[in-house]
N, C-alpha and C. Protein backbone atom coordinates (compact mmCIF):
# COMPACT_ATOMS: atom_id res chain seq x y z
N MET A 1 164.03 101.16 56.14
CA MET A 1 162.74 100.77 56.65
C MET A 1 162.09 99.81 55.65
N ALA A 2 161.49 98.72 56.15
CA ALA A 2 160.90 97.72 55.28
C ALA A 2 159.40 97.67 55.49
N GLU A 3 158.69 97.44 54.44
CA GLU A 3 157.23 97.28 54.52
C GLU A 3 156.87 95.89 54.00
N GLY A 4 156.04 95.16 54.74
CA GLY A 4 155.58 93.85 54.31
C GLY A 4 156.57 92.76 54.62
N ASP A 5 156.06 91.60 55.03
CA ASP A 5 156.95 90.50 55.34
C ASP A 5 156.49 89.20 54.71
N GLY A 6 155.75 89.27 53.61
CA GLY A 6 155.41 88.07 52.86
C GLY A 6 154.11 87.40 53.24
N ASP A 7 153.68 87.51 54.50
CA ASP A 7 152.45 86.82 54.89
C ASP A 7 151.28 87.78 55.03
N GLY A 8 151.40 88.97 54.49
CA GLY A 8 150.32 89.94 54.55
C GLY A 8 150.34 90.80 55.79
N MET A 9 151.16 90.46 56.79
CA MET A 9 151.25 91.23 58.02
C MET A 9 152.17 92.42 57.77
N ARG A 10 151.67 93.64 57.98
CA ARG A 10 152.52 94.82 57.79
C ARG A 10 153.63 94.82 58.82
N GLN A 11 154.81 95.13 58.37
CA GLN A 11 155.98 95.19 59.25
C GLN A 11 156.78 96.43 58.93
N ARG A 12 157.36 97.02 59.94
CA ARG A 12 158.28 98.13 59.75
C ARG A 12 159.53 97.80 60.54
N ALA A 13 160.69 98.21 60.05
CA ALA A 13 161.94 97.95 60.77
C ALA A 13 162.83 99.18 60.71
N LEU A 14 163.55 99.40 61.79
CA LEU A 14 164.51 100.48 61.92
C LEU A 14 165.83 99.85 62.35
N THR A 15 166.94 100.25 61.74
CA THR A 15 168.24 99.68 62.09
C THR A 15 168.88 100.50 63.21
N LEU A 16 169.28 99.80 64.27
CA LEU A 16 169.86 100.44 65.44
C LEU A 16 171.20 99.82 65.80
N GLY A 17 171.97 100.56 66.54
CA GLY A 17 173.19 100.04 67.16
C GLY A 17 172.93 99.86 68.65
N VAL A 18 173.64 98.93 69.27
CA VAL A 18 173.49 98.67 70.70
C VAL A 18 174.86 98.87 71.35
N VAL A 19 174.88 99.65 72.43
CA VAL A 19 176.10 99.83 73.21
C VAL A 19 176.03 98.88 74.40
N MET A 20 176.99 97.95 74.46
CA MET A 20 177.09 97.02 75.58
C MET A 20 178.21 97.52 76.49
N GLN A 21 177.94 97.49 77.78
CA GLN A 21 178.90 98.01 78.76
C GLN A 21 179.40 96.89 79.67
N ARG A 22 180.71 96.89 79.89
CA ARG A 22 181.35 95.99 80.86
C ARG A 22 181.92 96.87 81.96
N ARG A 23 181.53 96.57 83.19
CA ARG A 23 182.08 97.34 84.32
C ARG A 23 182.54 96.38 85.41
N GLU A 24 183.62 96.76 86.05
CA GLU A 24 184.13 95.96 87.16
C GLU A 24 183.19 96.10 88.35
N THR A 25 183.09 95.04 89.14
CA THR A 25 182.25 95.07 90.34
C THR A 25 183.11 94.76 91.56
N ARG A 26 182.63 95.17 92.69
CA ARG A 26 183.29 94.83 93.95
C ARG A 26 182.49 93.70 94.58
N ASN A 27 182.63 92.54 93.98
CA ASN A 27 181.84 91.39 94.40
C ASN A 27 182.77 90.17 94.42
N ARG A 28 182.75 89.41 95.48
CA ARG A 28 183.69 88.29 95.55
C ARG A 28 183.35 87.15 94.61
N TRP A 29 182.12 87.08 94.10
CA TRP A 29 181.72 86.00 93.20
C TRP A 29 181.79 86.39 91.73
N GLN A 30 181.73 87.67 91.46
CA GLN A 30 181.70 88.14 90.08
C GLN A 30 182.53 89.42 89.97
N SER A 31 183.58 89.37 89.14
CA SER A 31 184.48 90.51 89.04
C SER A 31 184.02 91.57 88.05
N GLU A 32 183.06 91.22 87.18
CA GLU A 32 182.58 92.18 86.18
C GLU A 32 181.10 91.93 85.91
N ALA A 33 180.44 92.96 85.39
CA ALA A 33 179.03 92.85 84.99
C ALA A 33 178.89 93.43 83.59
N TRP A 34 178.14 92.74 82.75
CA TRP A 34 177.81 93.22 81.41
C TRP A 34 176.36 93.65 81.38
N GLU A 35 176.06 94.68 80.61
CA GLU A 35 174.68 95.14 80.47
C GLU A 35 174.57 96.02 79.22
N PRO A 36 173.39 96.00 78.59
CA PRO A 36 173.16 96.97 77.52
C PRO A 36 173.13 98.35 78.15
N TRP A 37 173.77 99.32 77.51
CA TRP A 37 173.84 100.67 78.05
C TRP A 37 172.94 101.63 77.30
N GLY A 38 172.68 101.35 76.01
CA GLY A 38 171.82 102.21 75.21
C GLY A 38 171.72 101.74 73.78
N VAL A 39 170.81 102.37 73.03
CA VAL A 39 170.69 102.11 71.60
C VAL A 39 170.91 103.42 70.86
N VAL A 40 171.42 103.29 69.62
CA VAL A 40 171.79 104.45 68.82
C VAL A 40 171.16 104.32 67.44
N THR A 41 170.63 105.41 66.92
CA THR A 41 170.04 105.41 65.58
C THR A 41 171.04 105.97 64.57
N GLY A 42 170.72 105.75 63.29
CA GLY A 42 171.46 106.38 62.21
C GLY A 42 172.85 105.85 61.94
N LEU A 43 173.12 104.58 62.23
CA LEU A 43 174.45 104.04 62.04
C LEU A 43 174.61 103.16 60.81
N GLY A 44 173.53 102.77 60.18
CA GLY A 44 173.65 101.90 59.01
C GLY A 44 173.70 100.43 59.37
N GLY A 45 174.34 99.65 58.50
CA GLY A 45 174.33 98.20 58.62
C GLY A 45 175.31 97.63 59.62
N ALA A 46 175.40 96.29 59.58
CA ALA A 46 176.23 95.56 60.52
C ALA A 46 177.71 95.78 60.24
N ALA A 47 178.48 95.86 61.32
CA ALA A 47 179.93 96.00 61.25
C ALA A 47 180.50 95.29 62.48
N PRO A 48 181.77 94.95 62.47
CA PRO A 48 182.35 94.33 63.67
C PRO A 48 182.19 95.25 64.88
N PRO A 49 182.08 94.68 66.09
CA PRO A 49 181.97 95.51 67.29
C PRO A 49 183.16 96.47 67.39
N ARG A 50 182.86 97.67 67.88
CA ARG A 50 183.88 98.72 67.99
C ARG A 50 183.96 99.20 69.44
N LEU A 51 185.15 99.26 69.97
CA LEU A 51 185.38 99.74 71.33
C LEU A 51 185.22 101.26 71.35
N LEU A 52 184.27 101.75 72.14
CA LEU A 52 184.01 103.19 72.24
C LEU A 52 184.70 103.83 73.44
N VAL A 53 184.64 103.12 74.58
CA VAL A 53 185.20 103.65 75.83
C VAL A 53 186.08 102.57 76.44
N ASP A 54 187.28 102.94 76.83
CA ASP A 54 188.20 102.00 77.48
C ASP A 54 188.90 102.74 78.61
N ARG A 55 188.28 102.67 79.79
CA ARG A 55 188.84 103.30 80.99
C ARG A 55 189.04 102.21 82.04
N PRO A 56 189.86 102.47 83.03
CA PRO A 56 189.99 101.46 84.09
C PRO A 56 188.63 101.15 84.71
N GLY A 57 188.26 99.89 84.67
CA GLY A 57 187.00 99.44 85.26
C GLY A 57 185.78 99.60 84.39
N LEU A 58 185.92 100.13 83.17
CA LEU A 58 184.75 100.36 82.32
C LEU A 58 185.13 100.27 80.84
N GLN A 59 184.34 99.51 80.10
CA GLN A 59 184.47 99.44 78.64
C GLN A 59 183.07 99.50 78.04
N GLN A 60 182.95 100.13 76.89
CA GLN A 60 181.69 100.15 76.14
C GLN A 60 181.99 99.78 74.70
N TRP A 61 181.18 98.86 74.17
CA TRP A 61 181.34 98.35 72.81
C TRP A 61 180.09 98.66 72.01
N LEU A 62 180.27 99.13 70.77
CA LEU A 62 179.16 99.41 69.87
C LEU A 62 178.97 98.23 68.91
N HIS A 63 177.76 97.69 68.89
CA HIS A 63 177.37 96.62 67.97
C HIS A 63 176.30 97.21 67.05
N THR A 64 176.51 97.16 65.74
CA THR A 64 175.58 97.79 64.80
C THR A 64 174.81 96.76 63.98
N GLY A 65 173.77 97.26 63.30
CA GLY A 65 173.03 96.45 62.34
C GLY A 65 171.88 95.65 62.91
N PHE A 66 171.28 96.09 64.00
CA PHE A 66 170.16 95.35 64.60
C PHE A 66 168.83 95.96 64.18
N ALA A 67 167.95 95.11 63.68
CA ALA A 67 166.63 95.57 63.22
C ALA A 67 165.67 95.60 64.40
N LEU A 68 165.05 96.74 64.59
CA LEU A 68 163.93 96.86 65.52
C LEU A 68 162.69 96.82 64.63
N ALA A 69 162.04 95.67 64.58
CA ALA A 69 160.89 95.48 63.69
C ALA A 69 159.60 95.65 64.47
N LEU A 70 158.61 96.25 63.82
CA LEU A 70 157.28 96.42 64.42
C LEU A 70 156.28 95.58 63.63
N HIS A 71 155.48 94.82 64.35
CA HIS A 71 154.49 93.92 63.75
C HIS A 71 153.11 94.23 64.33
N ARG A 72 152.09 94.17 63.52
CA ARG A 72 150.73 94.46 63.98
C ARG A 72 150.31 93.59 65.16
N ASP A 73 150.70 92.31 65.14
CA ASP A 73 150.24 91.43 66.23
C ASP A 73 150.93 91.73 67.57
N GLU A 74 151.89 92.63 67.59
CA GLU A 74 152.53 93.06 68.83
C GLU A 74 152.11 94.49 69.21
N ALA A 75 151.12 95.04 68.54
CA ALA A 75 150.73 96.44 68.74
C ALA A 75 150.36 96.74 70.19
N GLU A 76 149.72 95.81 70.88
CA GLU A 76 149.37 96.06 72.28
C GLU A 76 150.63 96.22 73.14
N GLY A 77 151.64 95.40 72.89
CA GLY A 77 152.90 95.51 73.64
C GLY A 77 153.61 96.82 73.39
N TYR A 78 153.54 97.32 72.13
CA TYR A 78 154.13 98.63 71.83
C TYR A 78 153.34 99.73 72.53
N TYR A 79 152.01 99.61 72.52
CA TYR A 79 151.17 100.59 73.19
C TYR A 79 151.50 100.67 74.69
N LEU A 80 151.62 99.51 75.33
CA LEU A 80 151.94 99.49 76.76
C LEU A 80 153.28 100.19 77.02
N ASN A 81 154.22 100.05 76.09
CA ASN A 81 155.53 100.65 76.25
C ASN A 81 155.48 102.16 76.05
N VAL A 82 154.96 102.62 74.91
CA VAL A 82 154.99 104.06 74.62
C VAL A 82 154.05 104.85 75.52
N SER A 83 153.08 104.21 76.14
CA SER A 83 152.18 104.92 77.05
C SER A 83 152.69 104.92 78.49
N SER A 84 153.85 104.29 78.73
CA SER A 84 154.43 104.27 80.08
C SER A 84 155.19 105.58 80.34
N ASP A 85 155.57 105.78 81.58
CA ASP A 85 156.33 106.98 81.95
C ASP A 85 157.74 106.99 81.39
N ALA A 86 158.30 105.80 81.13
CA ALA A 86 159.68 105.70 80.65
C ALA A 86 159.77 104.62 79.58
N PRO A 87 159.45 104.94 78.32
CA PRO A 87 159.51 103.94 77.24
C PRO A 87 160.91 103.36 77.08
N LYS A 88 160.98 102.09 76.73
CA LYS A 88 162.24 101.36 76.65
C LYS A 88 162.37 100.61 75.34
N VAL A 89 163.60 100.29 74.98
CA VAL A 89 163.91 99.29 73.97
C VAL A 89 164.49 98.12 74.76
N PHE A 90 163.99 96.93 74.49
CA PHE A 90 164.43 95.74 75.20
C PHE A 90 165.47 95.01 74.36
N VAL A 91 166.58 94.64 75.01
CA VAL A 91 167.70 94.01 74.33
C VAL A 91 167.87 92.59 74.87
N LEU A 92 167.74 91.60 74.00
CA LEU A 92 168.05 90.22 74.33
C LEU A 92 169.53 90.04 74.02
N TRP A 93 170.32 89.57 74.98
CA TRP A 93 171.76 89.44 74.77
C TRP A 93 172.27 88.14 75.38
N ARG A 94 173.48 87.75 74.93
CA ARG A 94 174.12 86.52 75.40
C ARG A 94 175.61 86.76 75.57
N MET A 95 176.21 85.90 76.37
CA MET A 95 177.67 85.90 76.48
C MET A 95 178.23 85.03 75.36
N ASP A 96 179.27 85.54 74.70
CA ASP A 96 179.99 84.80 73.67
C ASP A 96 181.45 84.81 74.10
N GLY A 97 181.85 83.76 74.79
CA GLY A 97 183.18 83.75 75.40
C GLY A 97 183.19 84.72 76.56
N ASP A 98 184.10 85.70 76.51
CA ASP A 98 184.17 86.69 77.58
C ASP A 98 183.56 88.03 77.18
N GLN A 99 182.79 88.04 76.09
CA GLN A 99 182.18 89.27 75.56
C GLN A 99 180.65 89.11 75.52
N ALA A 100 179.92 90.13 75.94
CA ALA A 100 178.47 90.14 75.83
C ALA A 100 178.08 90.68 74.46
N VAL A 101 177.14 90.00 73.80
CA VAL A 101 176.71 90.44 72.47
C VAL A 101 175.18 90.52 72.42
N PRO A 102 174.66 91.60 71.85
CA PRO A 102 173.21 91.68 71.66
C PRO A 102 172.78 90.72 70.56
N VAL A 103 171.56 90.22 70.68
CA VAL A 103 171.02 89.25 69.71
C VAL A 103 169.81 89.81 69.00
N ARG A 104 168.84 90.35 69.76
CA ARG A 104 167.61 90.87 69.18
C ARG A 104 167.13 92.07 69.97
N LEU A 105 166.28 92.89 69.32
CA LEU A 105 165.67 94.06 69.95
C LEU A 105 164.17 94.00 69.79
N THR A 106 163.45 94.57 70.76
CA THR A 106 162.01 94.75 70.62
C THR A 106 161.57 95.99 71.38
N ALA A 107 160.44 96.55 70.97
CA ALA A 107 159.82 97.66 71.69
C ALA A 107 158.54 97.18 72.38
N SER A 108 158.27 95.87 72.32
CA SER A 108 157.05 95.29 72.87
C SER A 108 157.27 94.76 74.28
N TYR A 109 156.49 95.26 75.23
CA TYR A 109 156.51 94.70 76.59
C TYR A 109 156.21 93.20 76.54
N ASN A 110 155.23 92.83 75.73
CA ASN A 110 154.79 91.44 75.69
C ASN A 110 155.88 90.51 75.16
N GLU A 111 156.54 90.92 74.08
CA GLU A 111 157.60 90.07 73.52
C GLU A 111 158.78 89.97 74.49
N ALA A 112 159.17 91.07 75.11
CA ALA A 112 160.26 91.05 76.09
C ALA A 112 159.91 90.12 77.26
N SER A 113 158.67 90.13 77.67
CA SER A 113 158.22 89.25 78.75
C SER A 113 158.33 87.79 78.34
N ARG A 114 157.97 87.47 77.10
CA ARG A 114 158.10 86.09 76.62
C ARG A 114 159.56 85.66 76.59
N TRP A 115 160.46 86.57 76.18
CA TRP A 115 161.89 86.26 76.18
C TRP A 115 162.37 85.95 77.60
N LEU A 116 161.95 86.78 78.57
CA LEU A 116 162.33 86.55 79.96
C LEU A 116 161.79 85.22 80.47
N ASP A 117 160.53 84.93 80.13
CA ASP A 117 159.93 83.65 80.53
C ASP A 117 160.70 82.48 79.94
N GLY A 118 161.33 82.68 78.79
CA GLY A 118 162.13 81.64 78.15
C GLY A 118 163.53 81.51 78.73
N GLY A 119 163.86 82.32 79.72
CA GLY A 119 165.14 82.21 80.40
C GLY A 119 166.27 83.00 79.76
N HIS A 120 165.97 83.92 78.86
CA HIS A 120 167.00 84.71 78.20
C HIS A 120 167.41 85.91 79.05
N SER A 121 168.59 86.45 78.77
CA SER A 121 169.04 87.70 79.40
C SER A 121 168.43 88.84 78.60
N VAL A 122 167.60 89.62 79.25
CA VAL A 122 166.91 90.75 78.60
C VAL A 122 167.01 91.94 79.53
N ASP A 123 167.47 93.05 78.98
CA ASP A 123 167.53 94.29 79.75
C ASP A 123 166.91 95.41 78.93
N ALA A 124 166.40 96.41 79.62
CA ALA A 124 165.76 97.56 78.98
C ALA A 124 166.69 98.75 79.02
N VAL A 125 166.69 99.51 77.93
CA VAL A 125 167.44 100.76 77.85
C VAL A 125 166.47 101.86 77.43
N PRO A 126 166.76 103.11 77.77
CA PRO A 126 165.85 104.21 77.38
C PRO A 126 165.63 104.24 75.86
N MET A 127 164.39 104.51 75.47
CA MET A 127 164.04 104.61 74.05
C MET A 127 164.38 106.02 73.56
N PRO A 128 165.22 106.11 72.51
CA PRO A 128 165.53 107.44 71.95
C PRO A 128 164.27 108.13 71.42
N PRO A 129 164.23 109.47 71.45
CA PRO A 129 163.04 110.20 71.01
C PRO A 129 162.58 109.85 69.59
N GLU A 130 163.51 109.66 68.64
CA GLU A 130 163.09 109.34 67.27
C GLU A 130 162.49 107.94 67.18
N VAL A 131 162.94 107.02 68.01
CA VAL A 131 162.35 105.67 68.04
C VAL A 131 160.97 105.74 68.70
N PHE A 132 160.84 106.58 69.74
CA PHE A 132 159.55 106.77 70.40
C PHE A 132 158.52 107.32 69.40
N ALA A 133 158.89 108.35 68.64
CA ALA A 133 157.96 108.94 67.67
C ALA A 133 157.57 107.91 66.60
N TRP A 134 158.53 107.16 66.10
CA TRP A 134 158.31 106.16 65.07
C TRP A 134 157.39 105.04 65.58
N THR A 135 157.65 104.57 66.81
CA THR A 135 156.83 103.51 67.40
C THR A 135 155.42 104.05 67.70
N GLY A 136 155.34 105.29 68.19
CA GLY A 136 154.05 105.89 68.47
C GLY A 136 153.17 106.01 67.24
N GLU A 137 153.76 106.38 66.10
CA GLU A 137 153.00 106.45 64.84
C GLU A 137 152.45 105.08 64.48
N PHE A 138 153.28 104.05 64.66
CA PHE A 138 152.83 102.69 64.36
C PHE A 138 151.67 102.28 65.26
N VAL A 139 151.78 102.61 66.56
CA VAL A 139 150.71 102.28 67.51
C VAL A 139 149.42 102.99 67.12
N GLU A 140 149.49 104.27 66.80
CA GLU A 140 148.30 105.02 66.41
C GLU A 140 147.63 104.42 65.17
N ALA A 141 148.41 103.94 64.24
CA ALA A 141 147.86 103.39 63.00
C ALA A 141 147.36 101.96 63.16
N ASN A 142 147.89 101.20 64.14
CA ASN A 142 147.62 99.76 64.17
C ASN A 142 146.99 99.22 65.44
N TYR A 143 147.02 99.94 66.56
CA TYR A 143 146.51 99.38 67.80
C TYR A 143 145.05 99.74 68.01
N ARG A 144 144.26 98.74 68.23
CA ARG A 144 142.84 98.90 68.57
C ARG A 144 142.58 98.07 69.82
N PRO A 145 142.30 98.73 70.95
CA PRO A 145 142.06 97.96 72.18
C PRO A 145 140.85 97.05 72.04
N GLU A 146 140.96 95.88 72.66
CA GLU A 146 139.81 94.96 72.65
C GLU A 146 138.76 95.51 73.58
N PRO A 147 137.49 95.39 73.18
CA PRO A 147 136.43 95.89 74.06
C PRO A 147 136.40 95.11 75.37
N ARG A 148 136.11 95.83 76.44
CA ARG A 148 136.03 95.19 77.75
C ARG A 148 134.77 94.33 77.82
N ARG A 149 134.93 93.19 78.43
CA ARG A 149 133.77 92.31 78.63
C ARG A 149 133.34 92.46 80.08
N ARG A 150 132.05 92.69 80.25
CA ARG A 150 131.53 92.88 81.60
C ARG A 150 131.36 91.52 82.26
N VAL A 151 131.94 91.40 83.45
CA VAL A 151 131.82 90.18 84.22
C VAL A 151 130.80 90.44 85.31
N ARG A 152 129.85 89.54 85.41
CA ARG A 152 128.80 89.69 86.43
C ARG A 152 129.42 89.50 87.82
N PRO A 153 129.25 90.48 88.71
CA PRO A 153 129.83 90.36 90.06
C PRO A 153 129.27 89.14 90.79
N ARG A 154 130.11 88.55 91.63
CA ARG A 154 129.69 87.36 92.40
C ARG A 154 128.51 87.68 93.31
N SER A 155 128.39 88.93 93.74
CA SER A 155 127.30 89.29 94.65
C SER A 155 125.93 89.16 93.99
N PHE A 156 125.88 89.12 92.66
CA PHE A 156 124.61 88.96 91.96
C PHE A 156 124.24 87.48 91.78
N MET A 157 125.16 86.59 92.12
CA MET A 157 124.90 85.15 91.97
C MET A 157 124.20 84.60 93.21
N HIS A 158 123.49 83.52 93.00
CA HIS A 158 122.91 82.80 94.12
C HIS A 158 124.06 82.20 94.94
N PRO A 159 123.98 82.22 96.25
CA PRO A 159 125.08 81.71 97.09
C PRO A 159 125.55 80.31 96.72
N ARG A 160 124.64 79.41 96.31
CA ARG A 160 125.08 78.05 95.99
C ARG A 160 125.90 78.01 94.67
N ASP A 161 125.76 79.06 93.83
CA ASP A 161 126.50 79.10 92.56
C ASP A 161 127.85 79.82 92.67
N ARG A 162 128.08 80.49 93.80
CA ARG A 162 129.32 81.26 93.94
C ARG A 162 130.57 80.39 94.04
N ASP A 163 130.44 79.21 94.60
CA ASP A 163 131.60 78.33 94.78
C ASP A 163 131.78 77.36 93.62
N ALA A 164 130.87 77.34 92.68
CA ALA A 164 130.97 76.42 91.55
C ALA A 164 132.07 76.91 90.60
N PRO A 165 132.79 75.99 90.00
CA PRO A 165 133.86 76.40 89.08
C PRO A 165 133.36 77.04 87.82
C-alpha cells in the first residue's frame, strides 16, 4: 500500500490479480469471447500470465501485479460504487494478438465511465469483500458530498422569462 503521490494528493493502492476468461461462442461471426472474470487479492507483484483453467471451450488466465489506486479527486465515484447494491472493480483491457490482457483497474464509476467514453473495452467484476472494506474506509475518510443548490422552479418565474435561455 502506498501513501502520497508527490503532488500532495493522498493516494492509496492495493495490488490485485485479474482473471481473464476466454470462452467459445456459438456465433457465426465470432468463435470466442474474452472477458474479465474476477479480481484476486494477496498475490504480490507482476508475473507472466498463468493458465488456471483449460477445459474444452473455456480457458482462464491469471494476470498479476495490477495496482488499484484510490485518489481523493475520485472519491465521489468510489462512493457511488460502494453505495450500490453490487459494488464492482472495473477492468480496462485490450487484445494483444489472440490474448486479452488487462491494462488498468479502478473502483470509480466516474473513471470507468470516462474510459468507456474514450472507446476502451471496460468490464465490471464483483468487488471482493476486502477490497470493498478498504475502499469504504477511503470513502468515509475522503468523500464529502457537495451541497445541493436550490433551483428556483419555473412556475415561480414570470411567463415571459420562462422561455429565455
